[in-house]
C-alpha cells in the first residue's frame, strides 16, 4: 500500500513516467493559477482597474520574498530525490527532518522583514499614488502570511522528490476552492477590496499546508520520522545551504529583475499596469505545463543520477524538449486567435483589453525558448548544479534590466518595450540554459555520500 505514495523513476518508459508525474502537477498548478486569476478577475471587475493594478504590481515583489525561502525547499528536494534514487531510506528521512529547520526559520524571518520593508520598497518602485495604499495593504497581508506559503511549498517539494505529485495536488485543489469562496465572500459580500483577496489567499494556503503535512505523515512512510531523524546533521545542512542559497539566489535574481521591470512599467500609468497584470496572469497559466514538466524532469534527474544513470537523464531531456515545442506552437496559435478574449476575462476596460491583446501576441512568439528555460534549468537543478542556478538568475537580471532600459528609450516602441523585453529575456536565458546543459558539467556533480 505504501508504494503508491512514492514513484521510482529509475526504470520504465521515460515519456510515460514524466507525463504520469506531470499531469497531477499540471492540474495542481492550473488550480493554483486559477485562484490567482480569480483574485484578478474579482478585483478587476468588482473593485476597479486601479485595484487590479495594485494587486498586479505587487506580484514580482512578493515573488522576491517567496524565492528567498523556496530555494531551501528546492535544495532539500534535490538531496532527497538523489538519496531516494540510491535507495538510502535513512538519509532520505534525515534530510526531511533537517530541512524543516532551515525552511521554517527562513519563512519566519522573511515574514517579518517583508512586512517592515514593504512601504519603502513600493516607493522605490515608483508606485503611482492612486494605487499606493492598496498595493501596500495587499503586500503586508500576503507577506505576513508568508510562513504558510513556505511551509506548503517545502512539504510539496519533498513529496515530489519522492515521486508523489498527487498529494500536493489534492491540497492545492482544496486551497483553490477555499480561495475562490473567500474572494467572493470577502469582496462581494463584505466589500473588503484588496484586503479581502489577500486574506482569502493566506487562509487557503495555510489550510493547504497543514492538510498536506498531516496527510503525508499518515500515508507516506518516509514522513514517519523518528527522534533520531530530527538530530541536526552538519553534513546535510551544509549541503542544503550550498544548494539552497544559490537556488534562492536564482529565484531572487529573477524576482529582482521582474521588480526592476515593474518600475519601468509603473511609469506608463495604471492602464498599462493593469494590462501587464492581465497578460502576466495569462502567461503564468501558459507556463504551467512547462513548470510541471520541468518539475517532473528535476525529480527524474535527481533519482537517476542517484542511481548513476546519466544516459537515462539525457533521454528524459530529449522527450521533454519535444513536448515543449508541441505545446508552444499550440499556445502561440491560441494567443493570435483569441488574445483579446483572454485579456477581457480580467477587466472590461476597452483600452486595457486592446493593449493586453496585442501584448500577448508579442510574447507568444517566444514560448519555445520560455519552455526550454524550464526544461534545461530543471534538469540542472535536479543534478545539483548550484553554480548555474546563480548564473541563470543573473541572465534574467541582465535581460530584463538591459532590454527594458534600451527598448524603453526608443520613442517608437513606447510601452510595447515592456513586452518585447519579456520575450527577449526568455530568448537569451533559454539559450544560456541550453548551452550549460550541452557543456555537460552537470554529469560530474556528486552530492550524496
Protein backbone atom coordinates (compact mmCIF):
# COMPACT_ATOMS: atom_id res chain seq x y z
CA UNK A 1 0.00 0.00 0.00
CA UNK A 2 2.77 2.45 0.84
CA UNK A 3 4.29 2.26 -2.61
CA UNK A 4 1.51 4.31 -4.20
CA UNK A 5 2.84 7.37 -2.36
CA UNK A 6 6.28 7.19 -3.96
CA UNK A 7 7.39 6.73 -7.57
CA UNK A 8 10.67 5.14 -8.58
CA UNK A 9 11.66 6.88 -11.85
CA UNK A 10 14.88 4.94 -12.39
CA UNK A 11 13.22 2.36 -14.62
CA UNK A 12 10.39 2.27 -17.15
CA UNK A 13 9.45 4.37 -20.20
CA UNK A 14 10.83 7.91 -19.80
CA UNK A 15 7.98 9.75 -21.54
CA UNK A 16 5.31 7.80 -19.69
CA UNK A 17 6.92 8.47 -16.31
CA UNK A 18 7.39 12.18 -17.00
CA UNK A 19 3.79 12.57 -18.13
CA UNK A 20 2.46 10.49 -15.24
CA UNK A 21 4.28 12.78 -12.81
CA UNK A 22 3.50 15.97 -14.75
CA UNK A 23 -0.26 15.60 -15.12
CA UNK A 24 -1.13 15.87 -11.39
CA UNK A 25 1.42 18.70 -11.15
CA UNK A 26 -0.19 20.43 -14.11
CA UNK A 27 -3.69 20.10 -12.68
CA UNK A 28 -2.45 21.43 -9.34
CA UNK A 29 -0.59 24.34 -10.94
CA UNK A 30 -3.60 25.22 -13.06
CA UNK A 31 -5.76 25.27 -9.94
CA UNK A 32 -3.18 27.47 -8.23
CA UNK A 33 -3.11 29.85 -11.18
CA UNK A 34 -6.88 29.63 -11.33
CA UNK A 35 -7.30 31.08 -7.89
CA UNK A 36 -4.63 33.68 -8.69
CA UNK A 37 -6.68 34.54 -11.76
CA UNK A 38 -9.86 34.67 -9.69
CA UNK A 39 -8.15 37.23 -7.45
CA UNK A 40 -7.51 39.39 -10.50
CA UNK A 41 -10.90 38.78 -12.09
CA UNK A 42 -12.79 39.64 -8.91
CA UNK A 43 -10.69 42.72 -8.21
CA UNK A 44 -10.65 43.93 -11.83
CA UNK A 45 -14.38 43.54 -12.37
CA UNK A 46 -15.82 44.36 -8.94
CA UNK A 47 -13.33 46.75 -7.34
CA UNK A 48 -11.77 48.52 -10.33
CA UNK A 49 -8.81 48.68 -12.67
CA UNK A 50 -6.78 50.69 -10.12
CA UNK A 51 -7.19 47.88 -7.59
CA UNK A 52 -6.23 45.34 -10.28
CA UNK A 53 -3.10 47.35 -10.99
CA UNK A 54 -2.31 47.50 -7.26
CA UNK A 55 -2.59 43.72 -6.84
CA UNK A 56 -0.72 43.02 -10.07
CA UNK A 57 2.23 45.30 -9.45
CA UNK A 58 3.00 43.57 -6.13
CA UNK A 59 3.32 40.12 -7.74
CA UNK A 60 7.01 40.44 -8.61
CA UNK A 61 7.80 41.91 -5.19
CA UNK A 62 6.04 39.07 -3.36
CA UNK A 63 7.76 36.57 -5.63
CA UNK A 64 11.09 38.02 -4.49
CA UNK A 65 10.29 37.25 -0.84
CA UNK A 66 8.96 33.77 -1.66
CA UNK A 67 12.05 32.91 -3.72
CA UNK A 68 14.43 33.59 -0.87
CA UNK A 69 12.63 30.93 1.16
CA UNK A 70 11.80 28.41 -1.53
CA UNK A 71 15.43 27.95 -2.56
CA UNK A 72 15.93 25.82 0.55
CA UNK A 73 12.92 23.68 -0.37
CA UNK A 74 14.43 23.13 -3.83
CA UNK A 75 17.80 22.21 -2.35
CA UNK A 76 16.22 19.74 0.06
CA UNK A 77 14.22 18.21 -2.78
CA UNK A 78 17.36 17.64 -4.86
CA UNK A 79 19.09 15.81 -1.99
CA UNK A 80 16.02 13.75 -1.15
CA UNK A 81 15.49 12.66 -4.77
CA UNK A 82 19.12 11.57 -5.13
CA UNK A 83 19.13 9.64 -1.84
CA UNK A 84 15.86 8.03 -2.92
CA UNK A 85 17.50 7.00 -6.21
CA UNK A 86 20.30 5.43 -4.14
CA UNK A 87 17.67 3.54 -2.08
CA UNK A 88 19.08 5.12 1.10
CA UNK A 89 15.96 5.41 3.29
CA UNK A 90 17.83 6.65 6.39
CA UNK A 91 19.36 9.62 4.56
CA UNK A 92 16.01 10.47 2.98
CA UNK A 93 14.39 10.73 6.41
CA UNK A 94 17.32 12.63 7.91
CA UNK A 95 17.13 15.10 5.02
CA UNK A 96 13.41 15.66 5.61
CA UNK A 97 13.94 16.27 9.32
CA UNK A 98 16.87 18.64 8.88
CA UNK A 99 15.28 20.62 6.04
CA UNK A 100 12.38 21.64 8.29
CA UNK A 101 14.70 23.71 10.50
CA UNK A 102 16.01 25.72 7.57
CA UNK A 103 12.67 26.32 5.87
CA UNK A 104 10.70 27.26 8.97
CA UNK A 105 13.42 29.60 10.21
CA UNK A 106 13.73 31.31 6.84
CA UNK A 107 9.95 31.61 6.50
CA UNK A 108 9.58 33.31 9.87
CA UNK A 109 12.46 35.70 9.17
CA UNK A 110 11.18 36.73 5.75
CA UNK A 111 7.63 37.26 7.04
CA UNK A 112 8.90 39.90 9.47
CA UNK A 113 11.36 41.57 7.09
CA UNK A 114 8.95 41.74 4.14
CA UNK A 115 6.23 43.46 6.19
CA UNK A 116 8.69 46.03 7.58
CA UNK A 117 10.21 46.81 4.17
CA UNK A 118 7.01 46.95 2.09
CA UNK A 119 6.42 50.71 2.15
CA UNK A 120 9.96 51.89 1.29
CA UNK A 121 10.29 49.31 -1.49
CA UNK A 122 6.97 50.33 -3.06
CA UNK A 123 8.17 53.96 -3.00
CA UNK A 124 11.42 52.90 -4.61
CA UNK A 125 9.43 51.22 -7.40
CA UNK A 126 7.71 54.49 -8.36
CA UNK A 127 4.30 53.11 -7.41
CA UNK A 128 1.62 55.57 -8.62
CA UNK A 129 -0.08 57.41 -5.78
CA UNK A 130 -3.57 56.36 -6.89
CA UNK A 131 -2.76 52.69 -6.19
CA UNK A 132 -0.09 53.00 -3.45
CA UNK A 133 -2.33 52.39 -0.42
CA UNK A 134 -4.00 49.33 -1.94
CA UNK A 135 -0.62 47.92 -3.04
CA UNK A 136 0.83 48.44 0.45
CA UNK A 137 -2.14 46.83 2.18
CA UNK A 138 -2.13 43.80 -0.12
CA UNK A 139 1.63 43.31 0.21
CA UNK A 140 1.65 43.50 4.00
CA UNK A 141 -1.15 40.96 4.38
CA UNK A 142 0.31 38.48 1.89
CA UNK A 143 3.83 38.83 3.27
CA UNK A 144 2.58 38.49 6.83
CA UNK A 145 1.28 35.06 5.85
CA UNK A 146 4.47 34.09 4.01
CA UNK A 147 5.13 31.42 6.62
CA UNK A 148 2.20 29.31 5.42
CA UNK A 149 3.27 29.55 1.78
CA UNK A 150 6.81 28.42 2.62
CA UNK A 151 5.50 25.53 4.71
CA UNK A 152 3.28 24.20 1.93
CA UNK A 153 5.92 24.59 -0.79
CA UNK A 154 8.55 22.87 1.37
CA UNK A 155 6.42 19.80 2.09
CA UNK A 156 5.27 19.65 -1.53
CA UNK A 157 8.90 19.77 -2.77
CA UNK A 158 9.82 16.83 -0.54
CA UNK A 159 6.85 14.77 -1.67
CA UNK A 160 7.64 15.43 -5.32
CA UNK A 161 11.26 14.45 -4.76
CA UNK A 162 9.89 11.03 -3.77
CA UNK A 163 7.80 10.89 -6.93
CA UNK A 164 4.49 11.83 -5.27
CA UNK A 165 2.90 14.64 -7.26
CA UNK A 166 -0.66 13.64 -6.32
CA UNK A 167 -0.75 14.58 -2.63
CA UNK A 168 0.22 18.24 -3.28
CA UNK A 169 -2.47 18.30 -5.98
CA UNK A 170 -5.19 17.23 -3.55
CA UNK A 171 -4.48 20.10 -1.20
CA UNK A 172 -3.97 22.64 -3.96
CA UNK A 173 -7.49 21.83 -5.15
CA UNK A 174 -8.77 22.34 -1.61
CA UNK A 175 -6.87 25.63 -1.35
CA UNK A 176 -8.20 26.78 -4.73
CA UNK A 177 -11.81 26.17 -3.74
CA UNK A 178 -11.35 27.90 -0.40
CA UNK A 179 -9.64 30.84 -2.07
CA UNK A 180 -12.42 31.33 -4.61
CA UNK A 181 -15.08 31.16 -1.91
CA UNK A 182 -13.08 33.57 0.24
CA UNK A 183 -12.67 36.04 -2.63
CA UNK A 184 -16.37 36.08 -3.40
CA UNK A 185 -17.47 36.38 0.23
CA UNK A 186 -14.91 38.94 1.42
CA UNK A 187 -15.06 41.14 -1.69
CA UNK A 188 -18.67 40.86 -2.87
CA UNK A 189 -20.41 40.44 0.49
CA UNK A 190 -18.15 42.25 2.97
CA UNK A 191 -16.68 44.73 0.43
CA UNK A 192 -13.14 44.33 1.77
CA UNK A 193 -11.47 45.07 -1.58
CA UNK A 194 -7.83 44.05 -2.00
CA UNK A 195 -7.58 43.16 1.70
CA UNK A 196 -10.27 40.51 1.25
CA UNK A 197 -8.41 38.96 -1.69
CA UNK A 198 -5.15 38.85 0.28
CA UNK A 199 -6.78 37.31 3.38
CA UNK A 200 -8.53 34.66 1.30
CA UNK A 201 -5.21 33.67 -0.30
CA UNK A 202 -3.35 33.33 3.00
CA UNK A 203 -6.10 31.33 4.73
CA UNK A 204 -6.33 28.96 1.76
CA UNK A 205 -2.54 28.41 1.76
CA UNK A 206 -2.47 27.72 5.49
CA UNK A 207 -5.22 25.11 5.26
CA UNK A 208 -3.41 23.51 2.31
CA UNK A 209 -0.08 23.41 4.19
CA UNK A 210 -1.50 21.83 7.34
CA UNK A 211 -3.53 19.31 5.39
CA UNK A 212 -0.56 18.31 3.25
CA UNK A 213 1.64 17.72 6.30
CA UNK A 214 -0.97 15.63 8.10
CA UNK A 215 -1.73 13.52 5.05
CA UNK A 216 1.97 12.93 4.30
CA UNK A 217 2.67 11.75 7.84
CA UNK A 218 -0.22 9.30 7.74
CA UNK A 219 0.25 7.95 4.22
CA UNK A 220 3.91 8.31 3.22
CA UNK A 221 6.35 6.02 5.08
CA UNK A 222 9.26 8.42 4.53
CA UNK A 223 7.47 11.09 6.57
CA UNK A 224 7.09 8.84 9.63
CA UNK A 225 10.16 10.30 11.27
CA UNK A 226 11.80 9.16 14.47
CA UNK A 227 13.55 11.36 17.02
CA UNK A 228 16.92 10.50 15.52
CA UNK A 229 15.83 11.92 12.12
CA UNK A 230 15.50 15.34 13.73
CA UNK A 231 19.05 15.39 15.03
CA UNK A 232 20.93 18.29 13.47
CA UNK A 233 23.32 16.96 10.83
CA UNK A 234 26.01 19.47 9.91
CA UNK A 235 26.79 17.49 6.78
CA UNK A 236 23.21 17.53 5.50
CA UNK A 237 22.53 21.12 6.46
CA UNK A 238 25.77 22.20 4.84
CA UNK A 239 24.71 20.52 1.60
CA UNK A 240 21.26 22.09 1.81
CA UNK A 241 22.78 25.51 2.35
CA UNK A 242 25.20 25.02 -0.55
CA UNK A 243 22.24 24.16 -2.76
CA UNK A 244 19.57 26.32 -1.16
CA UNK A 245 21.46 29.62 -1.19
CA UNK A 246 22.20 29.56 -4.97
CA UNK A 247 18.69 28.25 -5.72
CA UNK A 248 17.24 31.01 -3.55
CA UNK A 249 19.54 33.49 -5.27
CA UNK A 250 18.33 32.23 -8.65
CA UNK A 251 14.71 32.87 -7.77
CA UNK A 252 15.55 36.15 -6.07
CA UNK A 253 17.51 37.43 -9.05
CA UNK A 254 14.62 36.52 -11.34
CA UNK A 255 12.22 38.26 -8.98
CA UNK A 256 14.54 41.28 -8.71
CA UNK A 257 14.60 41.55 -12.50
CA UNK A 258 10.79 41.46 -12.50
CA UNK A 259 10.69 44.16 -9.82
CA UNK A 260 13.07 46.30 -11.90
CA UNK A 261 10.86 45.81 -14.96
CA UNK A 262 7.81 46.69 -12.87
CA UNK A 263 9.39 50.03 -12.01
CA UNK A 264 9.62 50.75 -15.75
CA UNK A 265 6.01 49.65 -16.28
CA UNK A 266 4.82 51.95 -13.49
CA UNK A 267 5.98 54.98 -15.45
CA UNK A 268 3.31 54.35 -18.10
CA UNK A 269 0.34 54.64 -15.72
CA UNK A 270 -2.43 52.42 -14.39
CA UNK A 271 -3.83 51.31 -17.79
CA UNK A 272 -0.51 49.76 -18.82
CA UNK A 273 -0.01 48.31 -15.31
CA UNK A 274 -3.47 46.71 -15.49
CA UNK A 275 -2.75 45.34 -19.00
CA UNK A 276 0.57 43.93 -17.83
CA UNK A 277 -1.16 42.35 -14.84
CA UNK A 278 -3.67 40.64 -17.13
CA UNK A 279 -1.04 39.43 -19.60
CA UNK A 280 1.15 38.19 -16.75
CA UNK A 281 -1.73 36.12 -15.40
CA UNK A 282 -2.26 34.61 -18.87
CA UNK A 283 1.45 33.88 -19.26
CA UNK A 284 1.56 32.27 -15.82
CA UNK A 285 -1.16 29.90 -16.97
CA UNK A 286 0.67 29.16 -20.24
CA UNK A 287 3.83 28.38 -18.27
CA UNK A 288 2.20 25.74 -16.09
CA UNK A 289 2.76 22.80 -18.47
CA UNK A 290 6.41 23.89 -18.76
CA UNK A 291 6.67 24.21 -14.99
CA UNK A 292 5.03 20.82 -14.39
CA UNK A 293 7.20 19.05 -16.93
CA UNK A 294 10.29 20.78 -15.56
CA UNK A 295 9.49 19.68 -12.01
CA UNK A 296 9.00 16.12 -13.25
CA UNK A 297 12.34 16.26 -15.05
CA UNK A 298 14.10 17.61 -11.94
CA UNK A 299 12.85 14.64 -9.89
CA UNK A 300 13.62 12.27 -12.76
CA UNK A 301 17.15 13.69 -12.99
CA UNK A 302 17.79 13.53 -9.25
CA UNK A 303 16.66 9.94 -8.89
CA UNK A 304 18.51 8.70 -11.96
CA UNK A 305 21.75 10.47 -11.09
CA UNK A 306 21.45 8.94 -7.62
CA UNK A 307 21.21 5.58 -9.40
CA UNK A 308 24.18 6.52 -11.65
CA UNK A 309 22.19 6.50 -14.93
CA UNK A 310 23.25 9.58 -16.94
CA UNK A 311 22.08 8.24 -20.31
CA UNK A 312 18.54 7.91 -18.98
CA UNK A 313 18.59 11.58 -17.89
CA UNK A 314 19.57 12.61 -21.43
CA UNK A 315 16.68 10.62 -22.87
CA UNK A 316 14.30 12.38 -20.47
CA UNK A 317 15.61 15.76 -21.65
CA UNK A 318 15.01 14.91 -25.33
CA UNK A 319 11.45 13.70 -24.66
CA UNK A 320 10.71 16.84 -22.65
CA UNK A 321 12.03 19.12 -25.42
CA UNK A 322 9.65 17.55 -27.96
CA UNK A 323 6.69 18.14 -25.63
CA UNK A 324 7.70 21.78 -25.06
CA UNK A 325 7.86 22.53 -28.79
CA UNK A 326 4.45 20.96 -29.45
CA UNK A 327 2.69 22.81 -26.66
CA UNK A 328 4.38 26.14 -27.50
CA UNK A 329 3.11 26.06 -31.08
CA UNK A 330 -0.44 25.32 -29.94
CA UNK A 331 -0.47 28.12 -27.36
CA UNK A 332 1.05 30.67 -29.74
CA UNK A 333 -1.75 30.00 -32.22
CA UNK A 334 -4.36 30.44 -29.49
CA UNK A 335 -2.93 33.82 -28.44
CA UNK A 336 -3.02 35.13 -32.01
CA UNK A 337 -6.62 33.98 -32.43
CA UNK A 338 -8.13 34.84 -29.04
CA UNK A 339 -5.67 37.09 -27.19
CA UNK A 340 -8.21 39.89 -26.67
CA UNK A 341 -10.75 37.45 -25.28
CA UNK A 342 -8.30 36.12 -22.71
CA UNK A 343 -7.41 39.64 -21.53
CA UNK A 344 -11.12 40.50 -21.39
CA UNK A 345 -11.59 37.93 -18.65
CA UNK A 346 -9.70 40.18 -16.25
CA UNK A 347 -11.03 43.64 -17.00
CA UNK A 348 -13.82 45.27 -19.00
CA UNK A 349 -11.90 48.44 -19.91
CA UNK A 350 -11.58 48.64 -23.73
CA UNK A 351 -8.20 50.40 -23.70
CA UNK A 352 -6.66 47.86 -21.33
CA UNK A 353 -8.03 44.97 -23.43
CA UNK A 354 -6.59 46.47 -26.63
CA UNK A 355 -3.15 46.86 -25.08
CA UNK A 356 -3.19 43.41 -23.48
CA UNK A 357 -4.43 41.63 -26.60
CA UNK A 358 -1.56 42.92 -28.72
CA UNK A 359 0.90 42.29 -25.88
CA UNK A 360 0.16 38.55 -25.58
CA UNK A 361 0.66 38.18 -29.33
CA UNK A 362 4.13 39.67 -28.94
CA UNK A 363 5.22 37.41 -26.09
CA UNK A 364 3.68 34.28 -27.61
CA UNK A 365 6.40 34.38 -30.28
CA UNK A 366 8.89 33.44 -27.56
CA UNK A 367 7.09 30.49 -25.96
CA UNK A 368 9.59 27.86 -27.18
CA UNK A 369 12.64 29.47 -25.52
CA UNK A 370 10.46 30.06 -22.44
CA UNK A 371 9.69 26.34 -22.27
CA UNK A 372 13.34 25.42 -22.73
CA UNK A 373 14.26 27.57 -19.72
CA UNK A 374 12.07 25.33 -17.57
CA UNK A 375 13.39 22.09 -19.07
CA UNK A 376 17.14 22.80 -19.07
CA UNK A 377 17.10 24.70 -15.77
CA UNK A 378 15.10 21.96 -14.03
CA UNK A 379 17.45 19.24 -15.21
CA UNK A 380 20.46 21.23 -13.99
CA UNK A 381 18.73 21.95 -10.67
CA UNK A 382 17.91 18.27 -10.28
CA UNK A 383 21.58 17.48 -10.84
CA UNK A 384 22.53 19.95 -8.11
CA UNK A 385 24.28 22.42 -10.44
CA UNK A 386 24.02 25.23 -7.90
CA UNK A 387 26.60 27.44 -9.64
CA UNK A 388 24.45 27.60 -12.74
CA UNK A 389 21.38 28.37 -10.65
CA UNK A 390 23.00 31.71 -9.87
CA UNK A 391 24.17 32.23 -13.47
CA UNK A 392 20.71 31.65 -14.95
CA UNK A 393 19.17 34.07 -12.47
CA UNK A 394 21.79 36.62 -13.42
CA UNK A 395 20.95 36.14 -17.11
CA UNK A 396 17.35 37.17 -16.42
CA UNK A 397 18.51 40.24 -14.49
CA UNK A 398 20.73 41.34 -17.37
CA UNK A 399 17.96 40.67 -19.88
CA UNK A 400 15.09 42.41 -18.12
CA UNK A 401 17.05 45.42 -16.92
CA UNK A 402 19.19 45.77 -20.05
CA UNK A 403 16.40 45.34 -22.60
CA UNK A 404 13.91 47.45 -20.64
CA UNK A 405 16.30 50.40 -20.42
CA UNK A 406 17.37 50.10 -24.04
CA UNK A 407 13.96 49.47 -25.62
CA UNK A 408 12.08 51.97 -23.41
CA UNK A 409 14.42 54.64 -24.74
CA UNK A 410 13.11 54.08 -28.28
CA UNK A 411 10.16 56.51 -28.69
CA UNK A 412 8.55 54.47 -31.45
CA UNK A 413 8.18 51.45 -29.16
CA UNK A 414 6.69 53.26 -26.17
CA UNK A 415 5.14 50.89 -23.64
CA UNK A 416 5.39 47.94 -26.05
CA UNK A 417 9.03 47.82 -24.95
CA UNK A 418 7.77 46.11 -21.79
CA UNK A 419 6.56 43.01 -23.61
CA UNK A 420 9.45 42.88 -26.08
CA UNK A 421 11.73 42.96 -23.05
CA UNK A 422 9.93 39.94 -21.60
CA UNK A 423 10.23 37.92 -24.82
CA UNK A 424 13.87 38.75 -25.48
CA UNK A 425 14.77 37.92 -21.88
CA UNK A 426 13.22 34.48 -22.34
CA UNK A 427 15.25 34.07 -25.53
CA UNK A 428 18.69 34.82 -24.08
CA UNK A 429 18.02 32.95 -20.82
CA UNK A 430 16.83 29.89 -22.72
CA UNK A 431 20.00 29.97 -24.83
CA UNK A 432 22.19 30.19 -21.70
CA UNK A 433 20.38 27.24 -20.08
CA UNK A 434 20.69 25.04 -23.17
CA UNK A 435 24.38 25.89 -23.51
CA UNK A 436 25.03 24.85 -19.91
CA UNK A 437 23.26 21.53 -20.49
CA UNK A 438 25.26 20.86 -23.66
CA UNK A 439 28.55 21.57 -21.85
CA UNK A 440 27.78 18.55 -19.65
CA UNK A 441 29.34 19.73 -16.39
CA UNK A 442 26.24 18.53 -14.56
CA UNK A 443 27.32 14.94 -15.20
CA UNK A 444 30.27 15.24 -12.82
CA UNK A 445 28.40 16.69 -9.81
CA UNK A 446 28.29 14.42 -6.74
CA UNK A 447 26.06 15.44 -3.82
CA UNK A 448 25.29 12.23 -1.97
CA UNK A 449 27.51 10.18 0.33
